[in-house]
């Protein structure tokens, strides 16, 4: 199955300046993770590694379809954003998470004008929390309806220093750069990063996305 996914990635449309090669490179990395977990699980008989391998492969399979959507002109749909958030959290936390990770979803039934490529944005945000945080980690996701759809993803990790907040979206070829480009240029929304508790950068991070309602 891993070999089949790798073959699918090799057949994806050529990169353009907007997406760059980082998304395909990221998918290859997750396939490597899946293969590693699979081998450990088979050798040790530990089913938790097999479950993590399954989550990594499932994420790659979903990302392939999202990439195909993003490589085409935007065709807006009315999408229940909570479903995309749930799928992303299930896969990303299934890979990185363990008994020390807790995630809480507060999802109002809000639709946004987007496409299913939006799932890659949520993958990047969840991955950012999990890769750069210490245990035990709690991730809280909240969707609420105002003039726009508001999505908040908060964690209790080690936070982001103030001097890095303004730069994290401005590094071409990095996940957060692509996240901001997609939110602003494809979906007509905004994304901000702040402290989970104002003035206490070491107490966790909060991402706030605003998207047009469907």
N, C-alpha and C. Protein backbone atom coordinates (compact mmCIF):
# COMPACT_ATOMS: atom_id res chain seq x y z
N UNK A 1 0.83 -1.21 0.00
CA UNK A 1 0.00 0.00 0.00
C UNK A 1 0.86 1.26 0.00
N UNK A 2 1.96 1.25 0.78
CA UNK A 2 2.86 2.39 0.80
C UNK A 2 3.46 2.63 -0.58
N UNK A 3 3.85 1.53 -1.25
CA UNK A 3 4.40 1.66 -2.60
C UNK A 3 3.40 2.24 -3.58
N UNK A 4 2.13 1.86 -3.43
CA UNK A 4 1.08 2.39 -4.31
C UNK A 4 0.92 3.89 -4.11
N UNK A 5 0.95 4.34 -2.85
CA UNK A 5 0.83 5.77 -2.57
C UNK A 5 2.02 6.55 -3.13
N UNK A 6 3.20 5.97 -3.00
CA UNK A 6 4.39 6.63 -3.54
C UNK A 6 4.28 6.78 -5.05
N UNK A 7 3.74 5.77 -5.71
CA UNK A 7 3.54 5.84 -7.16
C UNK A 7 2.53 6.93 -7.51
N UNK A 8 1.47 7.06 -6.71
CA UNK A 8 0.47 8.11 -6.95
C UNK A 8 1.08 9.49 -6.81
N UNK A 9 1.95 9.66 -5.81
CA UNK A 9 2.60 10.96 -5.62
C UNK A 9 3.45 11.32 -6.83
N UNK A 10 4.16 10.34 -7.38
CA UNK A 10 5.03 10.60 -8.52
C UNK A 10 4.24 11.02 -9.76
N UNK A 11 2.95 10.72 -9.79
CA UNK A 11 2.11 11.04 -10.95
C UNK A 11 1.30 12.32 -10.75
N UNK A 12 1.50 12.99 -9.62
CA UNK A 12 0.75 14.21 -9.37
C UNK A 12 1.16 15.31 -10.34
N UNK A 13 0.27 16.30 -10.57
CA UNK A 13 0.62 17.41 -11.47
C UNK A 13 1.89 18.11 -11.02
N UNK A 14 2.61 18.66 -11.99
CA UNK A 14 3.87 19.35 -11.67
C UNK A 14 3.62 20.51 -10.73
N UNK A 15 4.59 20.79 -9.88
CA UNK A 15 4.49 21.90 -8.94
C UNK A 15 4.38 23.22 -9.69
N UNK A 16 3.75 24.19 -9.07
CA UNK A 16 3.81 25.55 -9.57
C UNK A 16 4.43 26.43 -8.49
N UNK A 17 4.63 27.70 -8.81
CA UNK A 17 5.31 28.59 -7.87
C UNK A 17 4.53 28.72 -6.57
N UNK A 18 3.21 28.63 -6.66
CA UNK A 18 2.38 28.85 -5.48
C UNK A 18 2.54 27.73 -4.45
N UNK A 19 2.45 26.49 -4.91
CA UNK A 19 2.53 25.38 -3.98
C UNK A 19 3.96 24.95 -3.69
N UNK A 20 4.84 25.13 -4.68
CA UNK A 20 6.21 24.69 -4.50
C UNK A 20 6.28 23.18 -4.37
N UNK A 21 7.43 22.66 -3.99
CA UNK A 21 7.61 21.22 -3.86
C UNK A 21 7.36 20.73 -2.45
N UNK A 22 7.08 21.65 -1.52
CA UNK A 22 7.04 21.27 -0.11
C UNK A 22 5.91 20.29 0.19
N UNK A 23 4.76 20.40 -0.49
CA UNK A 23 3.64 19.51 -0.18
C UNK A 23 3.97 18.07 -0.58
N UNK A 24 4.52 17.91 -1.79
CA UNK A 24 4.89 16.56 -2.21
C UNK A 24 6.00 16.00 -1.32
N UNK A 25 6.96 16.84 -0.98
CA UNK A 25 8.04 16.41 -0.09
C UNK A 25 7.48 15.97 1.26
N UNK A 26 6.49 16.70 1.75
CA UNK A 26 5.86 16.37 3.03
C UNK A 26 5.17 15.02 2.95
N UNK A 27 4.51 14.74 1.84
CA UNK A 27 3.83 13.46 1.69
C UNK A 27 4.83 12.30 1.68
N UNK A 28 5.96 12.49 1.01
CA UNK A 28 6.99 11.46 1.00
C UNK A 28 7.51 11.21 2.41
N UNK A 29 7.68 12.28 3.18
CA UNK A 29 8.13 12.13 4.57
C UNK A 29 7.15 11.29 5.38
N UNK A 30 5.86 11.54 5.19
CA UNK A 30 4.86 10.78 5.94
C UNK A 30 4.80 9.32 5.49
N UNK A 31 5.09 9.06 4.23
CA UNK A 31 5.18 7.67 3.79
C UNK A 31 6.35 6.96 4.47
N UNK A 32 7.46 7.68 4.62
CA UNK A 32 8.62 7.11 5.32
C UNK A 32 8.26 6.81 6.78
N UNK A 33 7.51 7.73 7.40
CA UNK A 33 7.05 7.50 8.77
C UNK A 33 6.15 6.27 8.83
N UNK A 34 5.23 6.15 7.87
CA UNK A 34 4.32 5.00 7.85
C UNK A 34 5.09 3.70 7.73
N UNK A 35 6.08 3.68 6.83
CA UNK A 35 6.87 2.47 6.63
C UNK A 35 7.65 2.11 7.90
N UNK A 36 8.20 3.13 8.56
CA UNK A 36 8.95 2.89 9.79
C UNK A 36 8.07 2.31 10.89
N UNK A 37 6.89 2.90 11.09
CA UNK A 37 5.97 2.39 12.11
C UNK A 37 5.51 0.97 11.77
N UNK A 38 5.28 0.72 10.48
CA UNK A 38 4.84 -0.60 10.05
C UNK A 38 5.88 -1.66 10.39
N UNK A 39 7.14 -1.36 10.10
CA UNK A 39 8.21 -2.32 10.37
C UNK A 39 8.38 -2.56 11.87
N UNK A 40 8.31 -1.48 12.66
CA UNK A 40 8.44 -1.64 14.11
C UNK A 40 7.28 -2.47 14.66
N UNK A 41 6.06 -2.15 14.17
CA UNK A 41 4.89 -2.88 14.64
C UNK A 41 4.94 -4.36 14.31
N UNK A 42 5.39 -4.68 13.09
CA UNK A 42 5.47 -6.08 12.68
C UNK A 42 6.55 -6.82 13.46
N UNK A 43 7.68 -6.15 13.70
CA UNK A 43 8.78 -6.79 14.42
C UNK A 43 8.48 -6.98 15.90
N UNK A 44 7.79 -6.00 16.49
CA UNK A 44 7.57 -6.03 17.93
C UNK A 44 6.23 -6.63 18.33
N UNK A 45 5.30 -6.69 17.37
CA UNK A 45 3.96 -7.15 17.69
C UNK A 45 3.14 -6.11 18.43
N UNK A 46 3.63 -4.87 18.48
CA UNK A 46 2.95 -3.78 19.17
C UNK A 46 1.95 -3.14 18.22
N UNK A 47 0.67 -3.33 18.48
CA UNK A 47 -0.36 -2.86 17.55
C UNK A 47 -0.45 -1.34 17.47
N UNK A 48 0.05 -0.63 18.50
CA UNK A 48 -0.04 0.83 18.47
C UNK A 48 0.79 1.40 17.32
N UNK A 49 1.90 0.75 16.98
CA UNK A 49 2.71 1.23 15.86
C UNK A 49 2.00 0.97 14.53
N UNK A 50 1.27 -0.13 14.45
CA UNK A 50 0.51 -0.41 13.24
C UNK A 50 -0.61 0.62 13.06
N UNK A 51 -1.21 1.04 14.17
CA UNK A 51 -2.26 2.06 14.11
C UNK A 51 -1.67 3.40 13.66
N UNK A 52 -0.46 3.72 14.12
CA UNK A 52 0.17 4.97 13.71
C UNK A 52 0.58 4.91 12.24
N UNK A 53 1.01 3.74 11.78
CA UNK A 53 1.33 3.57 10.36
C UNK A 53 0.07 3.77 9.52
N UNK A 54 -1.04 3.23 9.99
CA UNK A 54 -2.31 3.39 9.27
C UNK A 54 -2.72 4.85 9.20
N UNK A 55 -2.55 5.59 10.30
CA UNK A 55 -2.90 7.01 10.32
C UNK A 55 -2.03 7.80 9.34
N UNK A 56 -0.73 7.49 9.28
CA UNK A 56 0.17 8.19 8.36
C UNK A 56 -0.21 7.91 6.91
N UNK A 57 -0.50 6.65 6.60
CA UNK A 57 -0.89 6.29 5.23
C UNK A 57 -2.23 6.93 4.87
N UNK A 58 -3.15 6.96 5.82
CA UNK A 58 -4.46 7.57 5.57
C UNK A 58 -4.31 9.07 5.30
N UNK A 59 -3.42 9.72 6.05
CA UNK A 59 -3.18 11.15 5.84
C UNK A 59 -2.61 11.40 4.45
N UNK A 60 -1.66 10.58 4.02
CA UNK A 60 -1.06 10.77 2.70
C UNK A 60 -2.11 10.57 1.61
N UNK A 61 -2.93 9.54 1.76
CA UNK A 61 -3.98 9.28 0.77
C UNK A 61 -4.92 10.47 0.66
N UNK A 62 -5.29 11.05 1.80
CA UNK A 62 -6.17 12.23 1.79
C UNK A 62 -5.45 13.43 1.19
N UNK A 63 -4.17 13.61 1.54
CA UNK A 63 -3.41 14.75 1.02
C UNK A 63 -3.22 14.69 -0.49
N UNK A 64 -3.11 13.48 -1.04
CA UNK A 64 -3.01 13.34 -2.49
C UNK A 64 -4.24 13.92 -3.17
N UNK A 65 -5.41 13.58 -2.64
CA UNK A 65 -6.65 14.10 -3.22
C UNK A 65 -6.75 15.62 -3.03
N UNK A 66 -6.31 16.11 -1.87
CA UNK A 66 -6.34 17.55 -1.62
C UNK A 66 -5.38 18.28 -2.56
N UNK A 67 -4.22 17.69 -2.79
CA UNK A 67 -3.25 18.31 -3.69
C UNK A 67 -3.81 18.42 -5.10
N UNK A 68 -4.51 17.37 -5.55
CA UNK A 68 -5.11 17.40 -6.88
C UNK A 68 -6.11 18.55 -6.99
N UNK A 69 -6.86 18.78 -5.91
CA UNK A 69 -7.82 19.89 -5.91
C UNK A 69 -7.09 21.22 -5.97
N UNK A 70 -6.03 21.37 -5.17
CA UNK A 70 -5.30 22.63 -5.09
C UNK A 70 -4.54 22.96 -6.37
N UNK A 71 -4.24 21.95 -7.17
CA UNK A 71 -3.50 22.18 -8.40
C UNK A 71 -4.41 22.68 -9.53
N UNK A 72 -5.71 22.76 -9.26
CA UNK A 72 -6.68 23.22 -10.26
C UNK A 72 -7.26 24.57 -9.83
N UNK A 73 -7.86 25.30 -10.78
CA UNK A 73 -8.51 26.57 -10.41
C UNK A 73 -9.56 26.36 -9.32
N UNK A 74 -9.70 27.35 -8.49
CA UNK A 74 -10.61 27.26 -7.34
C UNK A 74 -12.06 27.16 -7.79
N UNK A 75 -12.75 26.12 -7.33
CA UNK A 75 -14.18 25.95 -7.55
C UNK A 75 -14.85 25.94 -6.19
N UNK A 76 -15.41 27.07 -5.78
CA UNK A 76 -15.94 27.18 -4.41
C UNK A 76 -17.09 26.23 -4.14
N UNK A 77 -17.07 25.67 -2.94
CA UNK A 77 -18.14 24.82 -2.44
C UNK A 77 -18.53 25.31 -1.05
N UNK A 78 -19.71 24.91 -0.60
CA UNK A 78 -20.11 25.15 0.78
C UNK A 78 -19.79 23.89 1.58
N UNK A 79 -18.80 24.02 2.47
CA UNK A 79 -18.26 22.85 3.16
C UNK A 79 -18.44 23.01 4.67
N UNK A 80 -18.89 21.95 5.31
CA UNK A 80 -18.99 21.93 6.77
C UNK A 80 -17.57 21.80 7.33
N UNK A 81 -17.07 22.89 7.87
CA UNK A 81 -15.65 22.95 8.23
C UNK A 81 -15.30 21.98 9.35
N UNK A 82 -16.25 21.67 10.22
CA UNK A 82 -15.98 20.76 11.32
C UNK A 82 -15.55 19.38 10.85
N UNK A 83 -16.09 18.93 9.72
CA UNK A 83 -15.73 17.62 9.19
C UNK A 83 -14.27 17.56 8.77
N UNK A 84 -13.79 18.63 8.13
CA UNK A 84 -12.38 18.68 7.72
C UNK A 84 -11.47 18.72 8.94
N UNK A 85 -11.86 19.49 9.94
CA UNK A 85 -11.06 19.57 11.17
C UNK A 85 -10.98 18.22 11.87
N UNK A 86 -12.10 17.53 11.91
CA UNK A 86 -12.13 16.22 12.58
C UNK A 86 -11.21 15.22 11.87
N UNK A 87 -11.31 15.17 10.53
CA UNK A 87 -10.48 14.24 9.77
C UNK A 87 -9.00 14.54 9.96
N UNK A 88 -8.66 15.82 9.93
CA UNK A 88 -7.26 16.21 10.09
C UNK A 88 -6.74 15.87 11.48
N UNK A 89 -7.52 16.19 12.50
CA UNK A 89 -7.10 15.89 13.88
C UNK A 89 -6.94 14.39 14.08
N UNK A 90 -7.86 13.61 13.53
CA UNK A 90 -7.81 12.16 13.69
C UNK A 90 -6.51 11.59 13.11
N UNK A 91 -6.11 12.08 11.93
CA UNK A 91 -4.92 11.54 11.27
C UNK A 91 -3.64 12.06 11.91
N UNK A 92 -3.53 13.38 12.06
CA UNK A 92 -2.27 13.96 12.54
C UNK A 92 -1.98 13.53 13.97
N UNK A 93 -3.00 13.56 14.82
CA UNK A 93 -2.79 13.16 16.20
C UNK A 93 -2.60 11.64 16.29
N UNK A 94 -3.20 10.91 15.35
CA UNK A 94 -2.97 9.47 15.30
C UNK A 94 -1.52 9.13 15.01
N UNK A 95 -0.82 10.02 14.30
CA UNK A 95 0.59 9.80 13.98
C UNK A 95 1.49 10.22 15.13
N UNK A 96 1.31 11.45 15.60
CA UNK A 96 2.22 12.02 16.59
C UNK A 96 1.74 11.85 18.02
N UNK A 97 0.43 11.75 18.18
CA UNK A 97 -0.12 11.74 19.52
C UNK A 97 0.11 10.43 20.24
N UNK A 98 -0.04 10.47 21.54
CA UNK A 98 0.03 9.27 22.36
C UNK A 98 -0.81 9.53 23.60
N UNK A 99 -0.59 8.77 24.64
CA UNK A 99 -1.41 8.92 25.84
C UNK A 99 -1.24 10.27 26.53
N UNK A 100 -0.24 11.03 26.10
CA UNK A 100 0.01 12.33 26.73
C UNK A 100 -0.63 13.48 25.95
N UNK A 101 -1.32 13.15 24.87
CA UNK A 101 -1.93 14.19 24.04
C UNK A 101 -3.45 14.12 24.15
N UNK A 102 -4.05 15.26 24.41
CA UNK A 102 -5.51 15.36 24.51
C UNK A 102 -5.97 16.41 23.51
N UNK A 103 -6.99 16.09 22.76
CA UNK A 103 -7.54 17.12 21.88
C UNK A 103 -9.04 17.23 22.10
N UNK A 104 -9.50 18.47 22.09
CA UNK A 104 -10.89 18.79 22.39
C UNK A 104 -11.46 19.58 21.21
N UNK A 105 -12.60 19.16 20.71
CA UNK A 105 -13.23 19.83 19.58
C UNK A 105 -14.56 20.44 20.02
N UNK A 106 -14.71 21.74 19.80
CA UNK A 106 -15.99 22.44 20.00
C UNK A 106 -16.40 22.96 18.62
N UNK A 107 -17.24 22.23 17.94
CA UNK A 107 -17.50 22.52 16.53
C UNK A 107 -18.96 22.88 16.30
N UNK A 108 -19.23 24.16 16.10
CA UNK A 108 -20.56 24.55 15.66
C UNK A 108 -20.73 24.14 14.19
N UNK A 109 -21.96 23.82 13.77
CA UNK A 109 -22.19 23.37 12.39
C UNK A 109 -22.14 24.54 11.40
N UNK A 110 -20.93 25.03 11.15
CA UNK A 110 -20.72 26.20 10.30
C UNK A 110 -20.14 25.76 8.96
N UNK A 111 -20.72 26.27 7.88
CA UNK A 111 -20.19 26.00 6.55
C UNK A 111 -19.35 27.18 6.07
N UNK A 112 -18.30 26.86 5.30
CA UNK A 112 -17.44 27.89 4.73
C UNK A 112 -17.42 27.74 3.21
N UNK A 113 -17.06 28.82 2.53
CA UNK A 113 -16.88 28.78 1.08
C UNK A 113 -15.42 28.42 0.83
N UNK A 114 -15.18 27.20 0.40
CA UNK A 114 -13.82 26.71 0.23
C UNK A 114 -13.86 25.50 -0.69
N UNK A 115 -12.85 24.65 -0.60
CA UNK A 115 -12.86 23.33 -1.21
C UNK A 115 -12.13 22.40 -0.24
N UNK A 116 -12.07 21.13 -0.58
CA UNK A 116 -11.51 20.17 0.37
C UNK A 116 -9.99 20.27 0.49
N UNK A 117 -9.37 21.08 -0.34
CA UNK A 117 -7.95 21.36 -0.17
C UNK A 117 -7.65 22.07 1.14
N UNK A 118 -8.69 22.64 1.75
CA UNK A 118 -8.54 23.32 3.03
C UNK A 118 -8.01 22.38 4.11
N UNK A 119 -8.22 21.08 3.93
CA UNK A 119 -7.73 20.11 4.91
C UNK A 119 -6.22 20.19 5.11
N UNK A 120 -5.48 20.55 4.06
CA UNK A 120 -4.03 20.68 4.18
C UNK A 120 -3.65 21.80 5.16
N UNK A 121 -4.45 22.85 5.20
CA UNK A 121 -4.20 23.94 6.14
C UNK A 121 -4.30 23.43 7.57
N UNK A 122 -5.35 22.67 7.86
CA UNK A 122 -5.54 22.17 9.22
C UNK A 122 -4.45 21.16 9.58
N UNK A 123 -4.03 20.34 8.61
CA UNK A 123 -2.91 19.42 8.86
C UNK A 123 -1.67 20.19 9.31
N UNK A 124 -1.37 21.28 8.61
CA UNK A 124 -0.18 22.07 8.94
C UNK A 124 -0.27 22.65 10.35
N UNK A 125 -1.45 23.13 10.72
CA UNK A 125 -1.60 23.75 12.04
C UNK A 125 -1.52 22.72 13.16
N UNK A 126 -2.17 21.58 12.98
CA UNK A 126 -2.07 20.52 14.00
C UNK A 126 -0.64 19.98 14.08
N UNK A 127 -0.01 19.78 12.93
CA UNK A 127 1.37 19.27 12.93
C UNK A 127 2.30 20.24 13.63
N UNK A 128 2.09 21.54 13.41
CA UNK A 128 2.93 22.54 14.06
C UNK A 128 2.84 22.42 15.57
N UNK A 129 1.62 22.25 16.09
CA UNK A 129 1.45 22.11 17.54
C UNK A 129 2.14 20.86 18.06
N UNK A 130 1.98 19.76 17.35
CA UNK A 130 2.49 18.48 17.85
C UNK A 130 4.00 18.35 17.71
N UNK A 131 4.56 18.91 16.65
CA UNK A 131 6.00 18.78 16.43
C UNK A 131 6.81 19.65 17.38
N UNK A 132 6.25 20.78 17.79
CA UNK A 132 7.04 21.77 18.53
C UNK A 132 6.55 21.97 19.95
N UNK A 133 5.92 20.96 20.51
CA UNK A 133 5.41 21.07 21.86
C UNK A 133 5.98 19.97 22.74
N UNK A 134 5.90 20.20 24.03
CA UNK A 134 6.34 19.21 25.00
C UNK A 134 5.11 18.54 25.62
N UNK A 135 5.30 17.35 26.16
CA UNK A 135 4.20 16.62 26.77
C UNK A 135 4.02 17.05 28.22
N UNK A 136 2.82 16.91 28.78
CA UNK A 136 1.57 16.53 28.12
C UNK A 136 1.00 17.69 27.31
N UNK A 137 0.40 17.40 26.18
CA UNK A 137 -0.08 18.43 25.27
C UNK A 137 -1.60 18.37 25.16
N UNK A 138 -2.22 19.53 25.20
CA UNK A 138 -3.66 19.64 24.98
C UNK A 138 -3.90 20.58 23.80
N UNK A 139 -4.70 20.14 22.85
CA UNK A 139 -5.06 20.97 21.70
C UNK A 139 -6.57 21.17 21.72
N UNK A 140 -6.99 22.42 21.69
CA UNK A 140 -8.41 22.75 21.70
C UNK A 140 -8.76 23.43 20.37
N UNK A 141 -9.78 22.92 19.70
CA UNK A 141 -10.24 23.51 18.44
C UNK A 141 -11.67 23.99 18.63
N UNK A 142 -11.91 25.23 18.23
CA UNK A 142 -13.25 25.81 18.38
C UNK A 142 -13.68 26.43 17.06
N UNK A 143 -14.89 26.11 16.63
CA UNK A 143 -15.49 26.74 15.45
C UNK A 143 -16.72 27.50 15.91
N UNK A 144 -16.81 28.76 15.53
CA UNK A 144 -17.98 29.55 15.90
C UNK A 144 -18.39 30.44 14.74
N UNK A 145 -19.63 30.86 14.78
CA UNK A 145 -20.20 31.64 13.69
C UNK A 145 -20.35 33.09 14.11
N UNK A 146 -19.66 33.98 13.38
CA UNK A 146 -19.83 35.42 13.56
C UNK A 146 -20.18 35.98 12.19
N UNK A 147 -19.70 37.16 11.84
CA UNK A 147 -19.91 37.64 10.47
C UNK A 147 -19.21 36.73 9.48
N UNK A 148 -18.13 36.11 9.97
CA UNK A 148 -17.41 35.10 9.20
C UNK A 148 -17.37 33.83 10.03
N UNK A 149 -16.90 32.76 9.42
CA UNK A 149 -16.63 31.55 10.19
C UNK A 149 -15.29 31.73 10.89
N UNK A 150 -15.27 31.50 12.20
CA UNK A 150 -14.05 31.69 12.99
C UNK A 150 -13.59 30.32 13.50
N UNK A 151 -12.34 29.98 13.20
CA UNK A 151 -11.75 28.72 13.64
C UNK A 151 -10.55 29.04 14.52
N UNK A 152 -10.57 28.54 15.74
CA UNK A 152 -9.46 28.75 16.67
C UNK A 152 -8.83 27.41 17.01
N UNK A 153 -7.52 27.33 16.87
CA UNK A 153 -6.76 26.13 17.25
C UNK A 153 -5.74 26.56 18.29
N UNK A 154 -5.89 26.05 19.51
CA UNK A 154 -5.06 26.48 20.64
C UNK A 154 -4.35 25.27 21.24
N UNK A 155 -3.14 25.50 21.74
CA UNK A 155 -2.43 24.43 22.44
C UNK A 155 -1.77 24.98 23.69
N UNK A 156 -1.34 24.08 24.55
CA UNK A 156 -0.66 24.47 25.78
C UNK A 156 0.83 24.13 25.70
N UNK A 157 1.38 24.21 24.47
CA UNK A 157 2.78 23.90 24.26
C UNK A 157 3.70 25.00 24.75
N UNK A 158 4.94 24.97 24.27
CA UNK A 158 5.94 25.92 24.76
C UNK A 158 5.82 27.30 24.14
N UNK A 159 4.89 27.46 23.19
CA UNK A 159 4.61 28.78 22.64
C UNK A 159 5.61 29.24 21.59
N UNK A 160 5.33 30.42 21.04
CA UNK A 160 6.17 31.02 20.01
C UNK A 160 6.58 32.40 20.48
N UNK A 161 7.88 32.68 20.60
CA UNK A 161 8.33 34.01 21.03
C UNK A 161 7.77 35.10 20.12
N UNK A 162 7.54 36.27 20.69
CA UNK A 162 6.93 37.37 19.94
C UNK A 162 7.72 37.72 18.68
N UNK A 163 9.05 37.67 18.77
CA UNK A 163 9.86 38.06 17.62
C UNK A 163 9.76 37.06 16.47
N UNK A 164 9.27 35.86 16.74
CA UNK A 164 9.13 34.85 15.69
C UNK A 164 7.74 34.83 15.08
N UNK A 165 6.76 35.37 15.78
CA UNK A 165 5.39 35.31 15.28
C UNK A 165 5.24 36.00 13.93
N UNK A 166 5.85 37.18 13.79
CA UNK A 166 5.68 37.94 12.55
C UNK A 166 6.43 37.32 11.38
N UNK A 167 7.38 36.44 11.66
CA UNK A 167 8.20 35.86 10.60
C UNK A 167 7.75 34.47 10.17
N UNK A 168 6.95 33.80 10.99
CA UNK A 168 6.68 32.39 10.72
C UNK A 168 5.89 32.15 9.44
N UNK A 169 5.13 33.16 8.99
CA UNK A 169 4.36 33.01 7.76
C UNK A 169 5.12 33.51 6.53
N UNK A 170 6.34 34.01 6.72
CA UNK A 170 7.06 34.68 5.64
C UNK A 170 8.28 33.90 5.16
N UNK A 171 8.27 32.59 5.37
CA UNK A 171 9.41 31.77 4.97
C UNK A 171 8.99 30.87 3.81
N UNK A 172 9.28 31.29 2.57
CA UNK A 172 8.85 30.51 1.40
C UNK A 172 9.29 29.05 1.48
N UNK A 173 8.40 28.17 1.07
CA UNK A 173 8.72 26.75 1.08
C UNK A 173 8.43 26.05 2.39
N UNK A 174 7.97 26.80 3.40
CA UNK A 174 7.65 26.19 4.69
C UNK A 174 6.14 26.03 4.82
N UNK A 175 5.74 25.12 5.71
CA UNK A 175 4.32 24.81 5.86
C UNK A 175 3.46 26.00 6.23
N UNK A 176 3.94 26.87 7.13
CA UNK A 176 3.14 28.01 7.55
C UNK A 176 3.02 29.06 6.45
N UNK A 177 4.04 29.16 5.61
CA UNK A 177 3.97 30.07 4.47
C UNK A 177 2.87 29.63 3.51
N UNK A 178 2.83 28.33 3.21
CA UNK A 178 1.80 27.80 2.32
C UNK A 178 0.42 27.94 2.96
N UNK A 179 0.35 27.72 4.27
CA UNK A 179 -0.92 27.87 4.98
C UNK A 179 -1.50 29.27 4.80
N UNK A 180 -0.68 30.28 5.01
CA UNK A 180 -1.14 31.66 4.89
C UNK A 180 -1.53 31.99 3.45
N UNK A 181 -0.72 31.52 2.48
CA UNK A 181 -1.03 31.78 1.08
C UNK A 181 -2.38 31.17 0.69
N UNK A 182 -2.62 29.95 1.13
CA UNK A 182 -3.89 29.30 0.80
C UNK A 182 -5.06 30.04 1.43
N UNK A 183 -4.95 30.36 2.71
CA UNK A 183 -6.04 31.03 3.41
C UNK A 183 -6.36 32.37 2.76
N UNK A 184 -5.35 33.16 2.46
CA UNK A 184 -5.58 34.51 1.95
C UNK A 184 -5.89 34.55 0.46
N UNK A 185 -5.10 33.82 -0.34
CA UNK A 185 -5.20 33.98 -1.79
C UNK A 185 -6.20 33.03 -2.43
N UNK A 186 -6.38 31.85 -1.87
CA UNK A 186 -7.34 30.92 -2.47
C UNK A 186 -8.71 31.06 -1.83
N UNK A 187 -8.74 31.21 -0.51
CA UNK A 187 -10.02 31.17 0.21
C UNK A 187 -10.52 32.53 0.68
N UNK A 188 -9.74 33.59 0.47
CA UNK A 188 -10.20 34.93 0.81
C UNK A 188 -10.40 35.15 2.30
N UNK A 189 -9.59 34.48 3.11
CA UNK A 189 -9.71 34.62 4.56
C UNK A 189 -8.48 35.25 5.17
N UNK A 190 -8.38 35.13 6.48
CA UNK A 190 -7.22 35.65 7.21
C UNK A 190 -6.77 34.61 8.24
N UNK A 191 -5.51 34.71 8.64
CA UNK A 191 -4.99 33.86 9.70
C UNK A 191 -4.07 34.70 10.58
N UNK A 192 -4.20 34.54 11.88
CA UNK A 192 -3.37 35.26 12.84
C UNK A 192 -2.82 34.27 13.86
N UNK A 193 -1.65 34.59 14.40
CA UNK A 193 -1.08 33.80 15.49
C UNK A 193 -0.90 34.70 16.70
N UNK A 194 -1.23 34.19 17.87
CA UNK A 194 -1.12 34.97 19.09
C UNK A 194 -0.83 34.03 20.25
N UNK A 195 -0.63 34.61 21.43
CA UNK A 195 -0.47 33.80 22.63
C UNK A 195 -1.83 33.26 23.06
N UNK A 196 -1.84 32.03 23.54
CA UNK A 196 -3.11 31.49 24.05
C UNK A 196 -3.63 32.35 25.20
N UNK A 197 -2.72 32.78 26.06
CA UNK A 197 -3.05 33.73 27.12
C UNK A 197 -2.26 35.00 26.83
N UNK A 198 -2.94 36.11 26.54
CA UNK A 198 -2.25 37.33 26.12
C UNK A 198 -1.09 37.71 27.03
N UNK A 199 0.07 37.97 26.40
CA UNK A 199 1.24 38.39 27.14
C UNK A 199 2.05 37.27 27.74
N UNK A 200 1.62 36.02 27.54
CA UNK A 200 2.33 34.87 28.11
C UNK A 200 2.68 33.89 26.99
N UNK A 201 3.70 34.25 26.22
CA UNK A 201 4.03 33.46 25.03
C UNK A 201 4.48 32.04 25.38
N UNK A 202 4.97 31.84 26.59
CA UNK A 202 5.46 30.52 26.98
C UNK A 202 4.34 29.58 27.40
N UNK A 203 3.09 30.06 27.40
CA UNK A 203 1.96 29.26 27.88
C UNK A 203 1.12 28.67 26.76
N UNK A 204 1.62 28.73 25.54
CA UNK A 204 0.86 28.12 24.45
C UNK A 204 0.55 29.11 23.33
N UNK A 205 0.06 28.56 22.23
CA UNK A 205 -0.16 29.32 21.01
C UNK A 205 -1.61 29.20 20.56
N UNK A 206 -2.08 30.25 19.91
CA UNK A 206 -3.45 30.27 19.38
C UNK A 206 -3.41 30.75 17.93
N UNK A 207 -3.97 29.95 17.03
CA UNK A 207 -4.16 30.36 15.64
C UNK A 207 -5.64 30.67 15.44
N UNK A 208 -5.90 31.81 14.82
CA UNK A 208 -7.28 32.22 14.53
C UNK A 208 -7.45 32.40 13.03
N UNK A 209 -8.36 31.63 12.45
CA UNK A 209 -8.66 31.71 11.03
C UNK A 209 -10.06 32.29 10.86
N UNK A 210 -10.21 33.16 9.88
CA UNK A 210 -11.52 33.69 9.52
C UNK A 210 -11.75 33.42 8.04
N UNK A 211 -12.88 32.78 7.75
CA UNK A 211 -13.19 32.39 6.38
C UNK A 211 -14.61 32.81 6.02
N UNK A 212 -14.86 33.10 4.74
CA UNK A 212 -16.23 33.44 4.33
C UNK A 212 -17.20 32.30 4.65
N UNK A 213 -18.36 32.66 5.18
CA UNK A 213 -19.36 31.65 5.50
C UNK A 213 -20.07 31.17 4.23
N UNK A 214 -20.47 29.90 4.26
CA UNK A 214 -21.19 29.34 3.14
C UNK A 214 -22.70 29.44 3.32
